Protein backbone atom coordinates (compact mmCIF):
# COMPACT_ATOMS: atom_id res chain seq x y z
CA UNK A 1 0.01 -0.04 -0.02
CA UNK A 2 1.09 3.60 -0.67
CA UNK A 3 1.09 5.26 2.70
CA UNK A 4 2.28 8.81 1.69
CA UNK A 5 -0.72 10.60 0.22
CA UNK A 6 1.46 13.12 -1.52
CA UNK A 7 3.63 10.46 -3.31
CA UNK A 8 3.20 9.99 -7.10
CA UNK A 9 2.92 6.67 -8.64
CA UNK A 10 4.24 5.77 -12.15
CA UNK A 11 3.43 2.82 -14.32
CA UNK A 12 6.06 0.76 -16.35
CA UNK A 13 4.63 -1.22 -19.33
CA UNK A 14 6.25 -3.76 -21.56
CA UNK A 15 4.31 -4.88 -24.52
CA UNK A 16 4.24 -6.94 -27.68
CA UNK A 17 3.40 -5.19 -31.00
CA UNK A 18 -0.36 -4.86 -31.65
CA UNK A 19 -1.33 -5.15 -28.04
CA UNK A 20 -4.88 -4.02 -27.64
CA UNK A 21 -5.68 -1.10 -25.16
CA UNK A 22 -8.23 -3.41 -23.24
CA UNK A 23 -5.47 -5.81 -22.38
CA UNK A 24 -3.19 -2.94 -21.19
CA UNK A 25 -5.81 -1.38 -19.09
CA UNK A 26 -6.96 -4.61 -17.52
CA UNK A 27 -3.47 -5.43 -16.32
CA UNK A 28 -2.97 -1.81 -15.11
CA UNK A 29 -6.16 -1.80 -13.20
CA UNK A 30 -5.18 -5.22 -11.54
CA UNK A 31 -1.74 -3.75 -10.64
CA UNK A 32 -3.35 -0.61 -9.21
CA UNK A 33 -5.81 -2.70 -7.11
CA UNK A 34 -2.93 -4.62 -5.71
CA UNK A 35 -1.33 -1.39 -4.84
CA UNK A 36 -4.49 -0.06 -3.18
CA UNK A 37 -4.51 2.85 -5.64
CA UNK A 38 -6.93 4.41 -8.16
CA UNK A 39 -6.13 5.57 -11.66
CA UNK A 40 -6.15 9.19 -10.28
CA UNK A 41 -2.87 8.49 -8.50
CA UNK A 42 -0.95 7.72 -11.62
CA UNK A 43 1.34 10.49 -13.08
CA UNK A 44 2.86 8.75 -16.01
CA UNK A 45 3.20 5.63 -18.03
CA UNK A 46 6.71 4.56 -18.90
CA UNK A 47 7.82 2.09 -21.63
CA UNK A 48 10.47 1.35 -24.21
CA UNK A 49 10.80 4.18 -26.72
CA UNK A 50 10.07 1.85 -29.58
CA UNK A 51 6.69 1.17 -28.17
CA UNK A 52 5.73 4.71 -27.04
CA UNK A 53 3.61 5.23 -30.08
CA UNK A 54 2.07 1.81 -29.93
CA UNK A 55 -1.78 2.56 -30.41
CA UNK A 56 -2.80 0.13 -27.39
CA UNK A 57 -0.22 2.04 -25.08
CA UNK A 58 -1.04 5.44 -26.28
CA UNK A 59 -4.81 4.79 -25.90
CA UNK A 60 -4.17 3.42 -22.35
CA UNK A 61 -2.24 6.55 -21.40
CA UNK A 62 -5.11 8.62 -22.78
CA UNK A 63 -7.64 6.65 -20.79
CA UNK A 64 -5.49 7.30 -17.63
CA UNK A 65 -4.92 10.91 -18.51
CA UNK A 66 -1.22 10.73 -18.23
CA UNK A 67 1.74 11.13 -20.62
CA UNK A 68 3.62 8.17 -22.17
CA UNK A 69 7.41 8.31 -21.33
CA UNK A 70 9.53 6.31 -23.80
CA UNK A 71 13.09 5.42 -22.66
CA UNK A 72 15.75 4.18 -25.02
CA UNK A 73 16.85 0.49 -24.51
CA UNK A 74 20.28 1.59 -23.53
CA UNK A 75 18.96 3.70 -20.68
CA UNK A 76 16.53 1.00 -19.31
CA UNK A 77 19.47 -1.34 -19.43
CA UNK A 78 21.27 0.78 -16.84
CA UNK A 79 18.65 0.08 -14.17
CA UNK A 80 19.20 -2.70 -11.89
CA UNK A 81 15.75 -4.33 -11.80
CA UNK A 82 14.86 -6.53 -8.93
CA UNK A 83 13.03 -9.31 -10.95
CA UNK A 84 15.05 -9.81 -14.25
CA UNK A 85 13.97 -12.21 -16.88
CA UNK A 86 15.75 -13.79 -19.76
CA UNK A 87 13.56 -12.95 -22.85
CA UNK A 88 13.27 -9.23 -22.45
CA UNK A 89 16.95 -9.27 -21.79
CA UNK A 90 17.69 -10.93 -25.02
CA UNK A 91 15.16 -8.84 -26.96
CA UNK A 92 15.85 -5.34 -25.67
CA UNK A 93 18.96 -5.45 -23.43
CA UNK A 94 17.02 -4.89 -20.28
CA UNK A 95 15.86 -7.58 -18.09
CA UNK A 96 12.54 -6.05 -17.31
CA UNK A 97 11.10 -3.20 -19.53
CA UNK A 98 8.12 -2.67 -17.04
CA UNK A 99 10.17 -2.44 -13.83
CA UNK A 100 13.05 -0.27 -15.33
CA UNK A 101 10.52 2.03 -17.05
CA UNK A 102 8.44 2.37 -13.75
CA UNK A 103 11.56 3.10 -11.70
CA UNK A 104 13.05 5.46 -14.18
CA UNK A 105 9.79 7.42 -14.44
CA UNK A 106 9.31 7.59 -10.61
CA UNK A 107 12.92 8.28 -9.86
CA UNK A 108 13.22 11.19 -12.37
CA UNK A 109 10.39 12.99 -10.45
CA UNK A 110 8.06 15.68 -11.94
CA UNK A 111 9.80 17.58 -14.80
CA UNK A 112 13.10 15.68 -14.50
CA UNK A 113 12.47 12.76 -16.89
CA UNK A 114 13.79 13.23 -20.36
CA UNK A 115 12.12 10.19 -22.01
CA UNK A 116 9.80 10.64 -24.87
CA UNK A 117 6.40 12.04 -24.11
CA UNK A 118 3.06 10.84 -25.54
CA UNK A 119 3.06 10.96 -29.43
CA UNK A 120 6.72 10.44 -29.84
CA UNK A 121 7.55 8.59 -33.06
CA UNK A 122 9.67 5.55 -32.09
CA UNK A 123 12.47 4.08 -33.96
CA UNK A 124 11.71 0.80 -35.51
CA UNK A 125 12.72 -2.53 -34.30
CA UNK A 126 13.02 -2.69 -30.52
CA UNK A 127 11.00 -5.34 -28.70
CA UNK A 128 8.77 -5.20 -25.82
CA UNK A 129 8.90 -7.33 -22.68
CA UNK A 130 6.43 -10.26 -23.01
CA UNK A 131 7.28 -11.30 -26.43
CA UNK A 132 10.41 -11.62 -28.53
CA UNK A 133 9.66 -9.05 -31.12
CA UNK A 134 12.27 -8.12 -33.75
CA UNK A 135 15.33 -6.37 -32.43
CA UNK A 136 17.16 -3.56 -34.00
CA UNK A 137 19.15 -0.52 -32.92
CA UNK A 138 18.02 1.31 -30.03
CA UNK A 139 15.95 4.57 -30.46
CA UNK A 140 17.31 7.98 -30.49
CA UNK A 141 15.01 9.94 -28.20
CA UNK A 142 16.49 12.68 -26.24
CA UNK A 143 16.20 10.54 -23.05
CA UNK A 144 18.34 10.66 -20.05
CA UNK A 145 21.52 8.82 -20.92
CA UNK A 146 23.27 6.26 -18.69
CA UNK A 147 24.22 7.58 -15.26
CA UNK A 148 22.18 10.86 -15.62
CA UNK A 149 19.22 9.94 -13.30
CA UNK A 150 19.31 12.33 -10.45
CA UNK A 151 19.01 9.95 -7.57
CA UNK A 152 21.06 11.87 -5.05
CA UNK A 153 17.98 13.87 -3.87
CA UNK A 154 15.35 11.31 -4.57
CA UNK A 155 14.80 7.70 -5.70
CA UNK A 156 12.13 5.17 -6.59
CA UNK A 157 10.67 2.04 -5.00
CA UNK A 158 8.57 -0.62 -6.71
CA UNK A 159 5.21 -0.62 -5.09
CA UNK A 160 4.04 -3.67 -7.03
CA UNK A 161 6.58 -5.61 -9.05
CA UNK A 162 5.98 -6.77 -12.53
CA UNK A 163 2.75 -8.65 -13.29
CA UNK A 164 2.15 -10.27 -16.63
CA UNK A 165 -0.83 -11.11 -19.05
CA UNK A 166 -0.35 -12.71 -22.46
CA UNK A 167 1.01 -9.61 -24.25
CA UNK A 168 1.63 -7.08 -21.56
CA UNK A 169 3.76 -6.76 -18.50
CA UNK A 170 3.23 -3.97 -15.96
CA UNK A 171 4.82 -2.62 -12.73
CA UNK A 172 4.24 0.39 -10.65
CA UNK A 173 6.78 2.57 -8.73
CA UNK A 174 6.47 5.40 -6.36
CA UNK A 175 8.72 8.38 -5.98
CA UNK A 176 10.73 7.87 -2.65
CA UNK A 177 12.72 10.79 -0.97
CA UNK A 178 16.13 9.88 -0.04
CA UNK A 179 16.95 10.09 3.73
CA UNK A 180 20.63 10.04 4.91
CA UNK A 181 21.75 6.93 6.77
CA UNK A 182 18.78 4.94 5.29
CA UNK A 183 19.51 2.01 3.13
CA UNK A 184 16.46 2.60 0.97
CA UNK A 185 15.79 0.36 -2.11
CA UNK A 186 16.05 3.11 -4.64
CA UNK A 187 16.99 3.19 -8.22
CA UNK A 188 20.62 2.14 -8.98
CA UNK A 189 22.32 2.76 -12.37
CA UNK A 190 24.73 0.13 -13.39
CA UNK A 191 26.99 -0.54 -16.43
CA UNK A 192 24.51 -3.22 -17.64
CA UNK A 193 21.41 -4.98 -16.43
CA UNK A 194 22.32 -7.77 -14.05
CA UNK A 195 21.02 -9.99 -11.25
CA UNK A 196 19.16 -13.18 -10.95
CA UNK A 197 17.52 -14.52 -14.11
CA UNK A 198 15.03 -17.46 -13.67
CA UNK A 199 13.93 -17.43 -17.29
CA UNK A 200 10.59 -16.52 -18.64
CA UNK A 201 8.48 -18.81 -20.80
CA UNK A 202 7.48 -17.72 -24.32
CA UNK A 203 3.87 -18.24 -23.39
CA UNK A 204 2.06 -17.26 -20.17
CA UNK A 205 2.49 -19.70 -17.21
CA UNK A 206 -0.55 -21.94 -16.56
CA UNK A 207 -2.27 -21.58 -13.21
CA UNK A 208 -1.77 -24.78 -11.32
CA UNK A 209 -4.67 -26.80 -9.82
CA UNK A 210 -4.91 -26.06 -6.06
CA UNK A 211 -3.50 -28.72 -3.88
CA UNK A 212 -5.83 -29.43 -0.96
CA UNK A 213 -3.84 -30.10 2.08
CA UNK A 214 -6.62 -31.04 4.33
CA UNK A 215 -10.46 -30.31 4.65
CA UNK A 216 -11.46 -27.56 7.01
CA UNK A 217 -12.56 -30.01 9.73
CA UNK A 218 -12.03 -30.85 13.48
CA UNK A 219 -10.06 -33.88 14.41
CA UNK A 220 -7.93 -35.10 17.39
CA UNK A 221 -5.30 -37.36 15.93
CA UNK A 222 -1.75 -36.51 16.91
CA UNK A 223 -0.47 -37.93 13.49
CA UNK A 224 3.24 -37.73 12.70
CA UNK A 225 3.76 -33.98 12.95
CA UNK A 226 6.73 -33.05 15.16
CA UNK A 227 5.10 -30.28 17.15
CA UNK A 228 8.49 -29.44 18.91
CA UNK A 229 10.36 -28.83 15.75
CA UNK A 230 11.20 -25.15 15.26
CA UNK A 231 13.20 -23.19 12.66
CA UNK A 232 16.30 -22.68 14.86
CA UNK A 233 17.01 -26.41 14.49
CA UNK A 234 17.55 -25.79 10.80
CA UNK A 235 20.58 -23.53 11.43
CA UNK A 236 21.89 -24.85 14.77
CA UNK A 237 24.97 -26.87 13.67
CA UNK A 238 25.88 -25.55 10.24
CA UNK A 239 26.84 -22.13 8.78
CA UNK A 240 24.05 -21.60 6.43
CA UNK A 241 22.42 -18.37 5.17
CA UNK A 242 19.17 -18.41 7.35
CA UNK A 243 15.82 -18.15 5.83
CA UNK A 244 14.39 -20.63 8.46
CA UNK A 245 14.11 -18.40 11.45
CA UNK A 246 11.79 -15.29 11.44
CA UNK A 247 13.91 -13.01 13.51
CA UNK A 248 14.69 -9.79 11.64
CA UNK A 249 18.32 -9.45 10.63
CA UNK A 250 20.90 -6.98 11.97
CA UNK A 251 19.09 -6.80 15.22
CA UNK A 252 19.11 -5.79 18.04
CA UNK A 253 19.80 -2.29 17.03
CA UNK A 254 22.75 -0.52 18.68
CA UNK A 255 20.77 1.65 21.05
CA UNK A 256 18.80 -1.46 22.30
CA UNK A 257 22.12 -3.30 22.88
CA UNK A 258 23.39 -0.37 24.89
CA UNK A 259 20.30 -0.20 27.13
CA UNK A 260 20.56 -4.08 27.74
CA UNK A 261 24.21 -3.86 28.46
CA UNK A 262 23.70 -0.92 30.85
CA UNK A 263 21.26 -3.06 32.83
CA UNK A 264 23.84 -5.67 33.72
CA UNK A 265 25.05 -3.41 36.50
CA UNK A 266 21.90 -4.23 38.39
CA UNK A 267 21.98 -7.91 38.27
CA UNK A 268 22.54 -8.28 41.99
CA UNK A 269 18.91 -7.09 42.61
CA UNK A 270 15.96 -9.14 41.98
CA UNK A 271 13.91 -8.23 38.82
CA UNK A 272 11.39 -5.55 39.24
CA UNK A 273 8.77 -5.67 36.37
CA UNK A 274 6.70 -2.74 37.35
CA UNK A 275 8.14 -0.10 35.01
CA UNK A 276 8.11 -2.49 31.93
CA UNK A 277 4.57 -3.57 32.73
CA UNK A 278 3.38 0.06 32.97
CA UNK A 279 5.20 0.72 29.65
CA UNK A 280 3.45 -1.96 27.91
CA UNK A 281 0.01 -0.97 29.38
CA UNK A 282 0.54 2.70 28.41
CA UNK A 283 1.51 1.48 24.80
CA UNK A 284 -1.79 -0.34 24.45
CA UNK A 285 -3.84 2.14 26.56
CA UNK A 286 -4.78 -0.51 29.06
CA UNK A 287 -4.49 -0.67 32.86
CA UNK A 288 -1.59 -2.50 34.22
CA UNK A 289 -3.66 -5.30 35.54
CA UNK A 290 -4.48 -6.35 32.12
CA UNK A 291 -0.75 -7.05 31.32
CA UNK A 292 1.36 -9.93 32.12
CA UNK A 293 5.14 -10.02 31.20
CA UNK A 294 6.48 -13.43 30.12
CA UNK A 295 9.61 -15.11 29.05
CA UNK A 296 8.75 -14.93 25.38
CA UNK A 297 5.31 -15.69 24.04
CA UNK A 298 6.07 -19.36 24.27
CA UNK A 299 5.79 -19.27 27.99
CA UNK A 300 2.45 -17.77 27.71
CA UNK A 301 1.27 -20.89 25.95
CA UNK A 302 2.53 -23.04 28.80
CA UNK A 303 0.70 -20.78 31.40
CA UNK A 304 -2.54 -20.91 29.62
CA UNK A 305 -2.35 -24.62 29.30
CA UNK A 306 -1.66 -25.00 33.05
CA UNK A 307 -3.99 -22.25 34.43
CA UNK A 308 -7.22 -22.58 32.56
CA UNK A 309 -9.79 -25.32 33.19
CA UNK A 310 -11.00 -26.16 29.75
CA UNK A 311 -13.02 -29.07 28.34
CA UNK A 312 -12.61 -28.85 24.65
CA UNK A 313 -9.50 -26.71 23.39
CA UNK A 314 -9.27 -26.07 19.65
CA UNK A 315 -6.30 -24.89 17.75
CA UNK A 316 -6.64 -23.49 14.26
CA UNK A 317 -3.95 -24.89 11.93
CA UNK A 318 -1.74 -24.52 10.04
CA UNK A 319 -0.02 -22.53 12.79
CA UNK A 320 2.78 -22.30 15.40
CA UNK A 321 2.74 -25.71 16.96
CA UNK A 322 3.74 -24.64 20.53
CA UNK A 323 0.11 -23.99 21.82
CA UNK A 324 -1.00 -27.40 20.91
CA UNK A 325 2.25 -29.06 22.22
CA UNK A 326 1.81 -27.21 25.59
CA UNK A 327 -1.89 -28.13 25.92
CA UNK A 328 -1.11 -31.77 25.30
CA UNK A 329 1.77 -31.68 27.80
CA UNK A 330 -0.77 -30.36 30.41
CA UNK A 331 -2.96 -33.30 29.75
CA UNK A 332 -5.53 -31.79 27.36
CA UNK A 333 -6.97 -33.53 24.42
CA UNK A 334 -6.77 -31.02 21.53
CA UNK A 335 -9.06 -30.66 18.57
CA UNK A 336 -7.81 -29.07 15.31
CA UNK A 337 -9.54 -26.98 12.86
CA UNK A 338 -7.31 -27.27 9.58
CA UNK A 339 -7.63 -24.51 7.13
CA UNK A 340 -7.19 -25.43 3.39
CA UNK A 341 -5.04 -24.18 0.79
CA UNK A 342 -8.01 -24.04 -1.73
CA UNK A 343 -9.55 -21.53 0.61
CA UNK A 344 -6.29 -19.51 0.89
CA UNK A 345 -5.62 -20.98 4.36
CA UNK A 346 -8.32 -18.31 5.57
CA UNK A 347 -10.47 -18.51 8.53
CA UNK A 348 -14.22 -19.39 8.50
CA UNK A 349 -15.36 -18.69 11.95
CA UNK A 350 -18.22 -21.21 11.49
CA UNK A 351 -15.82 -24.01 11.23
CA UNK A 352 -14.91 -23.70 14.87
CA UNK A 353 -17.18 -25.93 17.01
CA UNK A 354 -19.67 -23.97 19.23
CA UNK A 355 -18.64 -25.98 22.35
CA UNK A 356 -14.98 -25.14 22.09
CA UNK A 357 -14.17 -23.30 25.27
CA UNK A 358 -10.57 -22.49 24.24
CA UNK A 359 -9.70 -21.35 20.66
CA UNK A 360 -6.11 -20.51 19.64
CA UNK A 361 -5.30 -18.89 16.38
CA UNK A 362 -2.35 -16.75 15.07
CA UNK A 363 -2.48 -13.49 13.23
CA UNK A 364 -0.69 -13.18 10.93
CA UNK A 365 -0.46 -16.81 11.04
CA UNK A 366 2.85 -18.67 11.13
CA UNK A 367 3.70 -20.35 8.60
CA UNK A 368 1.00 -19.33 6.11
CA UNK A 369 1.63 -15.52 6.38
CA UNK A 370 -2.14 -14.91 6.20
CA UNK A 371 -3.65 -11.98 7.98
CA UNK A 372 -7.09 -12.72 9.08
CA UNK A 373 -9.54 -9.78 9.47
CA UNK A 374 -9.95 -8.63 13.11
CA UNK A 375 -13.74 -8.87 12.72
CA UNK A 376 -13.47 -12.61 11.68
CA UNK A 377 -11.44 -13.43 14.75
CA UNK A 378 -13.51 -11.48 17.16
CA UNK A 379 -16.53 -13.37 15.86
CA UNK A 380 -15.01 -16.39 17.38
CA UNK A 381 -15.72 -14.85 20.91
CA UNK A 382 -18.34 -16.45 23.02
CA UNK A 383 -19.46 -16.31 26.62
CA UNK A 384 -17.44 -18.94 28.55
CA UNK A 385 -14.89 -19.15 25.84
CA UNK A 386 -11.16 -18.03 26.13
CA UNK A 387 -10.04 -16.77 22.66
CA UNK A 388 -6.23 -16.69 22.29
CA UNK A 389 -4.71 -14.70 19.39
CA UNK A 390 -1.04 -15.14 18.80
CA UNK A 391 0.15 -11.79 17.48
CA UNK A 392 3.82 -12.47 17.52
CA UNK A 393 4.38 -11.10 14.04
CA UNK A 394 1.69 -8.32 14.00
CA UNK A 395 4.33 -5.61 14.48
CA UNK A 396 5.77 -6.70 11.01
CA UNK A 397 2.43 -5.57 9.63
CA UNK A 398 2.30 -1.75 8.78
CA UNK A 399 -0.02 -0.08 11.22
CA UNK A 400 -0.53 -3.42 13.00
CA UNK A 401 -3.69 -3.84 10.90
CA UNK A 402 -6.19 -6.35 12.11
CA UNK A 403 -4.72 -6.39 15.65
CA UNK A 404 -7.03 -7.06 18.56
CA UNK A 405 -4.56 -5.69 21.18
CA UNK A 406 -6.02 -3.14 23.37
CA UNK A 407 -9.55 -4.21 22.75
CA UNK A 408 -11.60 -4.73 25.98
CA UNK A 409 -14.97 -5.23 24.34
CA UNK A 410 -14.25 -8.90 23.14
CA UNK A 411 -15.21 -11.32 25.91
CA UNK A 412 -12.55 -13.81 26.84
CA UNK A 413 -9.93 -12.25 24.72
CA UNK A 414 -6.31 -13.01 25.29
CA UNK A 415 -3.58 -11.43 22.99
CA UNK A 416 -0.05 -12.69 22.99
CA UNK A 417 2.80 -10.40 21.93
CA UNK A 418 6.44 -11.19 21.29
CA UNK A 419 9.46 -8.76 21.08
CA UNK A 420 11.65 -11.49 19.78
CA UNK A 421 11.08 -11.14 16.07
CA UNK A 422 11.30 -7.48 15.24
CA UNK A 423 13.82 -6.66 17.93
CA UNK A 424 16.09 -9.75 17.66
CA UNK A 425 15.70 -10.92 21.31
CA UNK A 426 15.15 -14.53 20.80
CA UNK A 427 18.04 -15.36 23.26
CA UNK A 428 16.72 -12.84 25.89
CA UNK A 429 13.08 -14.23 26.02
CA UNK A 430 10.64 -11.37 26.43
CA UNK A 431 6.84 -11.21 25.55
CA UNK A 432 3.66 -10.34 27.17
CA UNK A 433 -0.07 -11.16 27.59
CA UNK A 434 -2.98 -8.81 27.21
CA UNK A 435 -6.16 -10.07 28.90
CA UNK A 436 -8.89 -9.51 31.46
CA UNK A 437 -7.60 -8.87 34.86
CA UNK A 438 -9.02 -12.26 36.18
CA UNK A 439 -7.15 -14.11 33.36
CA UNK A 440 -3.98 -12.21 34.11
CA UNK A 441 -4.20 -13.26 37.78
CA UNK A 442 -4.85 -16.89 37.00
CA UNK A 443 -1.77 -17.04 34.72
CA UNK A 444 0.33 -15.03 37.29
CA UNK A 445 -0.55 -17.72 39.89
CA UNK A 446 1.18 -20.52 37.89
CA UNK A 447 4.10 -18.41 36.76
CA UNK A 448 7.37 -18.94 38.71
CA UNK A 449 8.83 -16.20 40.75
CA UNK A 450 10.88 -13.53 38.78
CA UNK A 451 10.14 -15.24 35.37
CA UNK A 452 11.52 -12.25 33.33
CA UNK A 453 15.21 -11.24 33.92
CA UNK A 454 16.25 -7.66 34.45
CA UNK A 455 17.90 -7.25 31.04
CA UNK A 456 14.68 -8.49 29.37
CA UNK A 457 12.60 -6.04 31.44
CA UNK A 458 14.84 -3.15 30.35
CA UNK A 459 14.46 -4.20 26.73
CA UNK A 460 10.64 -4.53 27.06
CA UNK A 461 10.39 -0.94 28.51
CA UNK A 462 12.76 0.44 25.78
CA UNK A 463 10.79 -1.26 23.02
CA UNK A 464 7.61 0.66 24.10
CA UNK A 465 9.08 4.00 23.49
CA UNK A 466 7.62 6.23 20.77
CA UNK A 467 11.05 6.15 18.93
CA UNK A 468 11.04 2.31 19.05
CA UNK A 469 7.60 2.06 17.71
CA UNK A 470 8.40 4.42 14.92
CA UNK A 471 11.51 2.31 14.06
CA UNK A 472 9.31 -0.89 14.07
CA UNK A 473 6.78 0.74 11.85
CA UNK A 474 9.62 1.60 9.33
CA UNK A 475 10.82 -1.88 9.53
CA UNK A 476 7.38 -3.13 8.81
CA UNK A 477 7.27 -1.19 5.61
CA UNK A 478 10.71 -2.33 4.51
CA UNK A 479 9.76 -5.96 5.06
CA UNK A 480 6.70 -5.41 2.76
CA UNK A 481 8.96 -4.12 0.08
CA UNK A 482 11.45 -6.96 0.43
CA UNK A 483 8.67 -9.51 0.59
CA UNK A 484 7.24 -8.31 -2.61
CA UNK A 485 10.55 -8.83 -4.18
CA UNK A 486 10.85 -12.34 -2.91
CA UNK A 487 7.30 -13.21 -4.09
CA UNK A 488 7.98 -11.62 -7.50
CA UNK A 489 11.10 -13.80 -7.84
CA UNK A 490 9.28 -16.99 -6.73
CA UNK A 491 6.60 -16.17 -9.41
CA UNK A 492 9.15 -16.87 -12.07
CA UNK A 493 9.18 -20.56 -11.38
CA UNK A 494 6.39 -22.73 -12.64
CA UNK A 495 7.31 -25.31 -10.02
CA UNK A 496 6.65 -23.01 -7.12
CA UNK A 497 3.24 -21.85 -5.62
CA UNK A 498 3.03 -19.23 -3.01
CA UNK A 499 0.15 -18.61 -0.61
CA UNK A 500 -1.67 -15.51 -1.86
CA UNK A 501 -1.87 -12.37 0.25
CA UNK A 502 1.23 -12.87 2.46
CA UNK A 503 1.42 -10.13 5.17
CA UNK A 504 4.08 -11.54 7.53
CA UNK A 505 7.87 -11.44 7.45
CA UNK A 506 7.85 -14.82 5.79
CA UNK A 507 6.12 -16.69 3.02
CA UNK A 508 4.87 -20.32 2.49
CA UNK A 509 5.46 -22.03 -0.71
CA UNK A 510 4.63 -25.29 -2.20
CA UNK A 511 7.00 -27.39 -4.36
CA UNK A 512 6.71 -31.11 -5.39
CA UNK A 513 9.13 -32.88 -3.27
CA UNK A 514 10.02 -29.80 -1.26
CA UNK A 515 11.82 -31.88 1.32
CA UNK A 516 14.29 -32.94 -1.47
CA UNK A 517 14.66 -29.35 -2.60
CA UNK A 518 15.32 -28.29 0.88
CA UNK A 519 18.23 -30.56 1.45
CA UNK A 520 19.70 -29.46 -1.96
CA UNK A 521 19.41 -25.93 -0.84
CA UNK A 522 21.31 -26.79 2.34
CA UNK A 523 24.16 -28.17 0.18
CA UNK A 524 24.09 -24.84 -1.56
CA UNK A 525 24.33 -22.95 1.67
CA UNK A 526 20.70 -21.98 2.39
CA UNK A 527 18.48 -23.10 5.20
CA UNK A 528 14.70 -23.09 4.67
CA UNK A 529 12.14 -24.08 7.24
CA UNK A 530 10.46 -27.43 6.49
CA UNK A 531 6.70 -27.40 6.34
CA UNK A 532 5.79 -30.99 7.24
CA UNK A 533 5.92 -30.36 11.08
CA UNK A 534 2.86 -28.04 10.79
CA UNK A 535 -0.63 -29.86 10.93
CA UNK A 536 -2.28 -29.39 7.64
CA UNK A 537 0.90 -29.32 5.67
CA UNK A 538 3.16 -32.09 4.27
CA UNK A 539 6.50 -32.63 2.77
CA UNK A 540 5.87 -30.50 -0.25
CA UNK A 541 5.95 -27.21 1.74
CA UNK A 542 8.69 -24.86 2.82
CA UNK A 543 8.58 -21.51 4.76
CA UNK A 544 11.04 -18.77 3.81
CA UNK A 545 11.92 -15.77 6.00
CA UNK A 546 11.99 -12.42 4.16
CA UNK A 547 15.49 -11.19 3.83
CA UNK A 548 17.20 -8.19 2.16
CA UNK A 549 17.29 -7.93 -1.66
CA UNK A 550 20.75 -9.29 -2.18
CA UNK A 551 20.33 -12.33 -0.08
CA UNK A 552 16.97 -12.92 -1.67
CA UNK A 553 18.71 -12.88 -5.18
CA UNK A 554 21.23 -15.22 -4.16
CA UNK A 555 18.60 -17.62 -2.71
CA UNK A 556 16.64 -17.42 -6.00
CA UNK A 557 19.67 -18.52 -7.84
CA UNK A 558 20.25 -21.37 -5.41
CA UNK A 559 16.54 -22.34 -5.77
CA UNK A 560 16.93 -22.36 -9.50
CA UNK A 561 19.97 -24.63 -9.24
CA UNK A 562 18.00 -26.96 -6.66
CA UNK A 563 15.06 -27.31 -9.01
CA UNK A 564 17.31 -28.16 -11.87
CA UNK A 565 19.09 -30.71 -9.86
CA UNK A 566 16.02 -32.32 -8.71
CA UNK A 567 14.09 -31.97 -11.96
């Protein structure tokens, strides 16, 4: 989503000769919907100069009320595109006309671009992106030459990476101001197009038939899923590039490390959690008696299993397996509601049994990365039912959309939060519970004395500050950009299917024989999280943590090799 109402959006289009205006506009509208924009936000339509006078493109720009900006092939080739493909690289010298044109148009800013405007007569011969049209010399428009894009005072970020129809490819970029000391993913001009090339078929990819992992039903079998397997096992004994653990890289930040280090001088005193508890309460606009600090969110699942007297607990899967494991360890028989891939792993509240007196669900859900509407989750609340919502990854969602934290109007609501993922505190163990005072008191009674260490308490208080919350929000937006880059790269593989609508700092993918692919990836230096330990998934699933662009590109190259080796 484009959060800055003042920012301008720019389309990039690659097209085959003779493309009709209806096909161009249909794909443009689809991309705008994905970005959460209307046509009114578009400021220009960029393309290869040899396509700038193509009737379908000219008519589409006229319908949008924006100029066409044609860029010579040699200028497009100077832009490092995040999702390069082989065919346009061979046809035009740039690995994605749509992405390069969108980035150039957005990065140049109003009045700065020197590409051809609407009505420019193109040079003959250059090809568009989706097809392999005839290739001849580049155009001679008076466009910005290599290295002339003024990125020092501004840049561009892809809002939606390239999307394809039969004869058109479209991307959308937004002008992004440059801030010192910020590693922003802006336009970079290079001697030539480069990066990961997964290949692009000459015809559009077919849409695979959905693979149903399980019916949305309720059952109690323990089956063969290893509920105690977690991502850290994947990287424990080998030096691999980690896409298995969902902790944000390059954390904790220096300021948080310093606060934690300073707390070590007070280790002789017993921990006092009052300040941290008050800070969490203030952050969520709640009284302190609705807050319980825990040694990570995982401890909260154990406390709930021990403290609550429940007859029929239900866990909604696929999701983090620790809640079910804790309930079983406490002697409870657990029912499962298993969501299906064919339904997008999305919750139907009616699938949860009416007599369930404890319901556990994650939002966004690990491992599917699905963000359920808050209203759908709140609809699960009933008198006499405890509704546990694991929001360990909600701070990776911009604006914490669909969060129920701070709500006091939902009966029986228990929200769990973790500071592990965003702040890199997995080794320190800090999280908290938000619930009705009676529930908090019941959990506190089964909690050991001084369960949270002084350094963890100091970290919790620090992470509730306004500056820390602003930093977390910025990180959430960056994760969204990097996740889009990963998903677009994965879309290049016909063998890979991703779960639609991912909103967390990870994505879930399906590949035939993914367990074999995972082992091959390990031999190539990458760790991915196996999916078969999650109820509702099998050996054909992997979870991938979102990483920075350079790491993702290297992973996509390794995945290409792994699929070839296994093919």
